Protein backbone atom coordinates (compact mmCIF):
# COMPACT_ATOMS: atom_id res chain seq x y z
CA UNK A 1 89.74 111.22 132.73
CA UNK A 2 91.91 108.24 131.82
CA UNK A 3 94.13 107.80 128.79
CA UNK A 4 92.40 106.79 125.56
CA UNK A 5 93.73 105.35 122.30
CA UNK A 6 91.88 104.69 119.05
CA UNK A 7 93.35 101.85 117.00
CA UNK A 8 92.32 101.21 113.40
CA UNK A 9 92.41 97.52 112.50
CA UNK A 10 91.36 94.84 114.97
CA UNK A 11 93.25 92.03 113.28
CA UNK A 12 96.04 89.97 114.83
CA UNK A 13 98.65 92.75 114.82
CA UNK A 14 96.15 95.24 116.20
CA UNK A 15 94.85 93.03 119.01
CA UNK A 16 98.04 91.09 119.71
CA UNK A 17 100.76 93.70 119.42
CA UNK A 18 99.67 97.35 119.44
CA UNK A 19 96.58 97.09 121.64
CA UNK A 20 98.44 94.87 124.08
CA UNK A 21 101.07 97.55 124.71
CA UNK A 22 98.45 100.29 124.87
CA UNK A 23 96.46 98.27 127.40
CA UNK A 24 99.52 97.57 129.53
CA UNK A 25 100.32 101.30 129.46
CA UNK A 26 96.94 102.16 130.98
CA UNK A 27 94.97 103.18 127.92
CA UNK A 28 91.38 102.39 127.17
CA UNK A 29 91.56 100.99 123.63
CA UNK A 30 88.85 101.71 121.09
CA UNK A 31 89.13 99.50 118.03
CA UNK A 32 87.90 100.92 114.72
CA UNK A 33 87.07 98.37 112.05
CA UNK A 34 84.65 97.64 109.21
CA UNK A 35 84.33 93.90 109.84
CA UNK A 36 80.99 93.48 111.59
CA UNK A 37 81.86 90.10 113.08
CA UNK A 38 85.05 91.41 114.73
CA UNK A 39 83.37 94.55 116.05
CA UNK A 40 80.49 92.54 117.50
CA UNK A 41 82.84 89.98 119.01
CA UNK A 42 84.98 92.63 120.70
CA UNK A 43 81.92 94.39 122.11
CA UNK A 44 80.43 91.16 123.46
CA UNK A 45 83.66 89.87 125.05
CA UNK A 46 85.13 91.45 128.19
CA UNK A 47 88.63 90.07 127.68
CA UNK A 48 90.89 88.17 125.31
CA UNK A 49 94.38 86.73 125.63
CA UNK A 50 97.73 87.36 123.98
CA UNK A 51 99.92 84.24 124.04
CA UNK A 52 103.64 84.88 123.61
CA UNK A 53 105.62 81.88 122.38
CA UNK A 54 109.38 81.53 122.67
CA UNK A 55 112.02 78.85 122.98
CA UNK A 56 112.03 79.43 126.73
CA UNK A 57 108.30 78.91 127.18
CA UNK A 58 104.88 80.52 126.88
CA UNK A 59 103.43 83.64 128.54
CA UNK A 60 99.76 84.64 128.54
CA UNK A 61 98.49 88.20 128.93
CA UNK A 62 94.88 89.20 129.51
CA UNK A 63 93.59 92.25 127.63
CA UNK A 64 90.63 94.21 129.03
CA UNK A 65 89.25 97.78 128.96
CA UNK A 66 88.45 97.95 125.26
CA UNK A 67 85.49 98.43 122.96
CA UNK A 68 84.96 98.60 119.22
CA UNK A 69 83.26 100.92 116.74
CA UNK A 70 82.25 100.11 113.19
CA UNK A 71 83.90 102.95 111.27
CA UNK A 72 81.60 102.39 108.29
CA UNK A 73 78.26 102.58 110.11
CA UNK A 74 79.11 104.72 113.16
CA UNK A 75 81.44 107.38 111.78
CA UNK A 76 80.08 110.24 113.92
CA UNK A 77 80.70 108.26 117.11
CA UNK A 78 84.25 107.46 115.97
CA UNK A 79 84.94 111.11 115.12
CA UNK A 80 83.99 112.08 118.68
CA UNK A 81 86.33 109.44 120.12
CA UNK A 82 89.25 110.61 117.96
CA UNK A 83 88.56 114.21 118.92
CA UNK A 84 89.13 113.38 122.59
CA UNK A 85 91.76 110.60 122.30
CA UNK A 86 95.41 110.85 123.31
CA UNK A 87 96.73 108.52 120.62
CA UNK A 88 95.61 107.15 117.25
CA UNK A 89 97.41 104.07 115.91
CA UNK A 90 96.69 101.76 113.00
CA UNK A 91 97.64 98.39 111.56
CA UNK A 92 95.45 98.17 108.48
CA UNK A 93 97.99 97.68 105.69
CA UNK A 94 99.66 100.48 103.68
CA UNK A 95 97.03 100.34 100.94
CA UNK A 96 94.20 101.07 103.38
CA UNK A 97 95.66 104.26 104.89
CA UNK A 98 93.83 106.47 102.38
CA UNK A 99 90.52 104.97 103.48
CA UNK A 100 90.94 105.66 107.21
CA UNK A 101 92.32 109.18 106.67
CA UNK A 102 88.97 111.00 106.19
CA UNK A 103 87.51 110.01 109.56
CA UNK A 104 90.78 110.75 111.36
CA UNK A 105 90.85 114.16 109.68
CA UNK A 106 87.34 114.89 110.93
CA UNK A 107 88.28 113.87 114.45
CA UNK A 108 91.39 116.06 114.42
CA UNK A 109 89.44 119.01 113.03
CA UNK A 110 86.89 118.68 115.83
CA UNK A 111 89.59 118.58 118.50
CA UNK A 112 89.49 121.22 121.27
CA UNK A 113 92.38 123.67 121.43
CA UNK A 114 92.56 122.88 125.15
CA UNK A 115 93.85 119.37 124.43
CA UNK A 116 97.44 118.46 123.61
CA UNK A 117 98.06 117.41 120.01
CA UNK A 118 96.79 113.98 119.08
CA UNK A 119 99.69 111.54 118.62
CA UNK A 120 99.24 109.67 115.33
CA UNK A 121 101.45 106.59 114.83
CA UNK A 122 100.99 104.21 111.90
CA UNK A 123 102.21 100.70 112.70
CA UNK A 124 102.65 99.30 109.20
CA UNK A 125 105.32 97.33 107.36
CA UNK A 126 106.25 100.28 105.16
CA UNK A 127 108.79 103.09 105.23
CA UNK A 128 107.27 106.41 106.29
CA UNK A 129 103.75 105.01 106.75
CA UNK A 130 102.76 107.78 109.18
CA UNK A 131 103.95 110.41 106.70
CA UNK A 132 101.81 108.70 104.06
CA UNK A 133 98.79 108.74 106.37
CA UNK A 134 99.43 112.39 107.27
CA UNK A 135 99.50 113.25 103.57
CA UNK A 136 96.05 111.73 103.10
CA UNK A 137 94.72 113.44 106.24
CA UNK A 138 96.01 116.85 105.13
CA UNK A 139 94.69 116.43 101.61
CA UNK A 140 92.25 119.30 100.83
CA UNK A 141 89.52 116.69 100.29
CA UNK A 142 89.83 115.74 103.98
CA UNK A 143 91.13 118.87 105.72
CA UNK A 144 90.15 122.33 104.45
CA UNK A 145 93.20 124.39 103.47
CA UNK A 146 92.35 127.17 105.91
CA UNK A 147 92.65 124.62 108.75
CA UNK A 148 96.19 123.54 107.88
CA UNK A 149 98.01 126.57 109.32
CA UNK A 150 97.38 125.49 112.92
CA UNK A 151 96.89 121.78 112.20
CA UNK A 152 100.10 121.05 114.12
CA UNK A 153 98.40 122.29 117.28
CA UNK A 154 95.85 119.48 116.97
CA UNK A 155 97.98 116.56 115.73
CA UNK A 156 101.58 115.31 115.74
CA UNK A 157 102.65 112.55 113.33
CA UNK A 158 105.42 110.10 114.22
CA UNK A 159 106.81 107.42 111.93
CA UNK A 160 107.50 104.04 113.49
CA UNK A 161 109.13 100.69 112.83
CA UNK A 162 107.48 97.57 114.21
CA UNK A 163 108.91 94.08 114.32
CA UNK A 164 107.03 91.07 115.61
CA UNK A 165 106.08 87.83 113.90
CA UNK A 166 102.38 87.10 114.16
CA UNK A 167 101.59 83.90 112.24
CA UNK A 168 98.22 82.76 110.95
CA UNK A 169 95.99 81.89 113.88
CA UNK A 170 94.05 78.79 114.84
CA UNK A 171 90.55 79.27 113.36
CA UNK A 172 89.09 78.36 116.75
CA UNK A 173 91.19 80.92 118.66
CA UNK A 174 88.46 83.56 118.71
CA UNK A 175 89.94 86.90 119.73
CA UNK A 176 93.04 85.34 121.29
CA UNK A 177 96.31 85.97 119.45
CA UNK A 178 99.48 83.86 119.49
CA UNK A 179 102.75 85.57 118.56
CA UNK A 180 106.47 85.46 119.22
CA UNK A 181 107.95 86.91 122.41
CA UNK A 182 110.50 89.03 120.57
CA UNK A 183 109.33 92.50 119.56
CA UNK A 184 110.66 95.89 118.56
CA UNK A 185 108.58 99.06 118.35
CA UNK A 186 110.71 102.10 117.53
CA UNK A 187 109.15 105.55 117.11
CA UNK A 188 110.52 108.93 116.02
CA UNK A 189 110.49 111.31 118.99
CA UNK A 190 111.23 114.51 117.00
CA UNK A 191 107.58 115.38 116.16
CA UNK A 192 106.95 115.81 119.89
CA UNK A 193 109.56 118.49 120.54
CA UNK A 194 106.79 120.98 121.35
CA UNK A 195 104.47 118.54 123.10
CA UNK A 196 104.57 115.63 125.51
CA UNK A 197 105.74 112.26 124.22
CA UNK A 198 102.94 109.68 124.61
CA UNK A 199 103.45 107.40 127.58
CA UNK A 200 103.47 103.95 125.98
CA UNK A 201 105.52 101.17 127.57
CA UNK A 202 107.49 99.10 125.08
CA UNK A 203 108.26 101.89 122.61
CA UNK A 204 111.88 102.84 121.96
CA UNK A 205 111.96 106.56 121.15
CA UNK A 206 114.75 107.67 118.81
CA UNK A 207 115.87 110.85 117.02
CA UNK A 208 116.75 109.08 113.75
CA UNK A 209 114.33 106.35 112.77
CA UNK A 210 115.63 105.47 109.30
CA UNK A 211 118.39 103.04 110.41
CA UNK A 212 115.86 101.05 112.45
CA UNK A 213 113.26 101.04 109.67
CA UNK A 214 115.69 99.92 106.98
CA UNK A 215 117.47 97.40 109.19
CA UNK A 216 114.14 95.80 110.01
CA UNK A 217 112.63 95.99 106.50
CA UNK A 218 115.80 94.80 104.75
CA UNK A 219 116.50 91.99 107.23
CA UNK A 220 113.26 90.72 108.77
CA UNK A 221 110.95 91.39 105.83
CA UNK A 222 113.50 90.57 103.14
CA UNK A 223 114.44 87.35 104.91
CA UNK A 224 110.87 86.30 105.64
CA UNK A 225 109.70 86.95 102.08
CA UNK A 226 112.78 85.31 100.53
CA UNK A 227 112.11 82.13 102.50
CA UNK A 228 108.41 82.23 101.60
CA UNK A 229 108.87 82.73 97.85
CA UNK A 230 111.65 80.16 97.52
CA UNK A 231 109.58 77.81 99.67
CA UNK A 232 106.46 78.32 97.57
CA UNK A 233 108.35 77.54 94.37
CA UNK A 234 109.71 74.35 95.98
CA UNK A 235 106.32 73.22 97.28
CA UNK A 236 107.10 73.85 100.94
CA UNK A 237 104.11 74.37 103.21
CA UNK A 238 105.50 76.73 105.83
CA UNK A 239 108.39 79.16 106.25
CA UNK A 240 110.04 77.07 108.96
CA UNK A 241 109.72 74.03 106.69
CA UNK A 242 111.37 75.99 103.86
CA UNK A 243 114.27 76.95 106.10
CA UNK A 244 114.95 73.32 106.92
CA UNK A 245 115.89 73.01 103.23
CA UNK A 246 119.64 73.69 103.07
CA UNK A 247 119.53 75.38 99.68
CA UNK A 248 116.68 77.71 100.62
CA UNK A 249 118.39 78.65 103.87
CA UNK A 250 121.55 79.45 101.89
CA UNK A 251 119.52 81.69 99.57
CA UNK A 252 118.01 83.54 102.53
CA UNK A 253 121.45 83.97 104.08
CA UNK A 254 122.88 85.21 100.76
CA UNK A 255 120.10 87.79 100.30
CA UNK A 256 120.62 89.06 103.85
CA UNK A 257 124.39 89.20 103.31
CA UNK A 258 123.69 91.66 100.47
CA UNK A 259 121.27 93.80 102.47
CA UNK A 260 123.64 93.68 105.46
CA UNK A 261 126.35 95.26 103.33
CA UNK A 262 124.02 98.19 102.61
CA UNK A 263 122.95 98.56 106.25
CA UNK A 264 126.55 98.57 107.49
CA UNK A 265 127.79 101.04 104.87
CA UNK A 266 124.78 103.37 104.98
CA UNK A 267 123.96 103.52 108.67
CA UNK A 268 127.28 102.89 110.38
CA UNK A 269 126.10 99.78 112.18
CA UNK A 270 129.06 97.49 112.79
CA UNK A 271 129.39 94.38 110.65
CA UNK A 272 129.50 92.24 113.80
CA UNK A 273 126.29 93.74 115.21
CA UNK A 274 124.47 93.34 111.89
CA UNK A 275 125.66 89.74 111.52
CA UNK A 276 124.29 88.94 114.99
CA UNK A 277 121.01 90.62 114.07
CA UNK A 278 120.86 88.68 110.80
CA UNK A 279 121.39 85.34 112.54
CA UNK A 280 118.78 86.25 115.15
CA UNK A 281 116.27 86.95 112.39
CA UNK A 282 116.95 83.66 110.61
CA UNK A 283 116.49 81.88 113.94
CA UNK A 284 113.20 83.71 114.57
CA UNK A 285 111.62 82.97 111.20
CA UNK A 286 112.74 79.34 111.54
CA UNK A 287 110.76 78.93 114.78
CA UNK A 288 108.47 75.87 114.36
CA UNK A 289 106.16 77.26 117.08
CA UNK A 290 105.31 80.09 114.68
CA UNK A 291 104.69 77.92 111.60
CA UNK A 292 103.45 80.29 108.91
CA UNK A 293 102.14 79.24 105.50
CA UNK A 294 104.34 80.38 102.61
CA UNK A 295 101.21 81.59 100.78
CA UNK A 296 100.30 83.90 103.66
CA UNK A 297 103.80 85.36 104.03
CA UNK A 298 104.13 85.72 100.26
CA UNK A 299 100.77 87.40 99.69
CA UNK A 300 100.64 90.84 98.02
CA UNK A 301 103.62 90.32 95.68
CA UNK A 302 102.96 93.56 93.78
CA UNK A 303 103.58 95.59 96.92
CA UNK A 304 106.58 93.51 97.91
CA UNK A 305 108.15 93.99 94.46
CA UNK A 306 107.58 97.75 94.49
CA UNK A 307 110.27 100.43 94.47
CA UNK A 308 110.42 101.13 98.23
CA UNK A 309 110.05 97.57 99.40
CA UNK A 310 112.20 94.69 100.66
CA UNK A 311 113.83 93.52 97.40
CA UNK A 312 114.01 96.41 94.96
CA UNK A 313 114.83 99.22 97.38
CA UNK A 314 118.05 97.71 98.79
CA UNK A 315 118.99 96.25 95.40
CA UNK A 316 118.77 99.68 93.76
CA UNK A 317 121.15 101.24 96.27
CA UNK A 318 123.56 98.32 96.19
CA UNK A 319 123.64 98.29 92.39
CA UNK A 320 124.37 102.01 92.29
CA UNK A 321 127.37 101.35 94.55
CA UNK A 322 128.55 98.58 92.24
CA UNK A 323 127.76 95.71 94.61
CA UNK A 324 126.37 92.32 93.56
CA UNK A 325 122.65 91.79 94.07
CA UNK A 326 122.31 88.29 92.63
CA UNK A 327 120.62 86.79 95.70
CA UNK A 328 118.12 89.65 95.91
CA UNK A 329 117.37 89.31 92.20
CA UNK A 330 116.84 85.56 92.63
CA UNK A 331 114.43 86.23 95.50
CA UNK A 332 112.62 88.81 93.34
CA UNK A 333 112.39 86.23 90.56
CA UNK A 334 110.69 83.82 92.96
CA UNK A 335 108.27 86.64 93.86
CA UNK A 336 107.49 87.23 90.17
CA UNK A 337 106.65 83.51 89.95
CA UNK A 338 104.13 83.87 92.81
CA UNK A 339 101.13 84.05 90.48
CA UNK A 340 97.46 83.05 90.64
CA UNK A 341 97.71 81.94 94.26
CA UNK A 342 94.32 81.10 95.74
CA UNK A 343 93.06 83.80 98.06
CA UNK A 344 95.57 86.44 96.94
CA UNK A 345 94.24 89.04 94.51
CA UNK A 346 97.63 90.67 93.95
CA UNK A 347 99.14 87.40 92.74
CA UNK A 348 96.33 87.18 90.19
CA UNK A 349 96.89 90.78 89.12
CA UNK A 350 100.62 90.06 88.81
CA UNK A 351 99.88 87.14 86.49
CA UNK A 352 97.70 89.42 84.36
CA UNK A 353 100.36 92.13 84.15
CA UNK A 354 103.05 89.59 83.28
CA UNK A 355 100.87 88.13 80.50
CA UNK A 356 99.77 91.43 78.97
CA UNK A 357 102.95 93.55 79.07
CA UNK A 358 106.52 93.23 77.90
CA UNK A 359 109.34 92.95 80.42
CA UNK A 360 110.28 96.63 80.27
CA UNK A 361 106.70 97.69 80.96
CA UNK A 362 106.43 95.22 83.84
CA UNK A 363 109.61 96.52 85.47
CA UNK A 364 108.40 100.09 85.15
CA UNK A 365 104.86 99.40 86.36
CA UNK A 366 105.54 96.88 89.13
CA UNK A 367 108.99 97.89 90.38
CA UNK A 368 108.93 101.61 89.62
CA UNK A 369 112.38 101.47 88.06
CA UNK A 370 113.68 103.91 85.43
CA UNK A 371 115.86 102.98 82.47
CA UNK A 372 118.60 105.09 84.07
CA UNK A 373 118.73 102.86 87.16
CA UNK A 374 121.69 100.48 87.11
CA UNK A 375 119.39 97.75 88.42
CA UNK A 376 116.89 98.18 85.57
CA UNK A 377 118.41 95.83 82.93
CA UNK A 378 119.02 93.11 85.52
CA UNK A 379 115.36 93.12 86.61
CA UNK A 380 114.25 93.18 82.96
CA UNK A 381 116.26 89.98 82.43
CA UNK A 382 114.56 88.40 85.46
CA UNK A 383 111.10 89.25 84.14
CA UNK A 384 111.94 87.99 80.65
CA UNK A 385 113.04 84.66 82.13
CA UNK A 386 109.83 84.27 84.11
CA UNK A 387 107.70 85.23 81.12
CA UNK A 388 109.54 82.77 78.87
CA UNK A 389 108.94 79.96 81.35
CA UNK A 390 105.24 80.84 81.47
CA UNK A 391 104.99 80.46 77.72
CA UNK A 392 106.76 77.07 77.62
């Protein structure tokens, strides 16, 4: 019997990044999704293409040996597939993890003791996403308490850090996905000490994942979002267009100089190595071949302004150390101004919160900051400024 992987989320990241590596590693890929059109399209198409774009040219890969299951209408079938799979991955967004957990839990619970533990790897832009998913799976509502004692014999959970820019796609592209050539997929190997590490080409297995997660989140995601929010507030159309504006590029560089200080001090990465990484990231998000609308990159501002995310998390640690966080605060201010954007529910919710609550309540609710945090009064000032401008 060949290798089998179940992947939740058949969007661009799922098809273009994760499934591509699984396919090239010899897995049959079973997509799980609730979008009827995508499921039907995958089941009626024998292959699709992943187009990798870089300054040195274009590569095309053909993806085959896949099928799709509608997790809403065919749950029993999906449970059986999970019960006999080697790997479960997902790219659904951090807020959706709780919704996919119940069916994964059922699949794990049905798993034969003769099989090695199912490798579960969440591929999300969030710190500890697999731990979050595992928490939902092990919740008594999804896994009976008497089944938890030997749960580790049926499943192993590994956190990961993924890095690849996948811009909005041509509406006529069908299942094909265009993305950048550069990628990084780093996964924690320690959960597999008592079982075999999954054989997936392209993964870098490490014993300490946190430096990779924070370096990526606080450089790639901070930089990308900073460019998008500044660009949106200056009426730029795309991120690469925003970065052609000297002042915006300086703001991005300044924000990443602040996060770089944290990365170097906290994780022992050399200043020279981090500076090279920073410049590489700015070059990547400036790529005109990956033109990405500022509204798309800036979407979900509530999540991006939350306590463990790309602005507040590094700013909290830097402020506690007594370092300046002015560029990060300015980027956060631009995010707070990302309100009532068409097609983005979180931006509308942000506008509602900003209109109905005082600054202190906003900072507590949106950013998760406490009055004891050194950063707290600085973010309160930012929110007050944005609210005052909204009233003018």
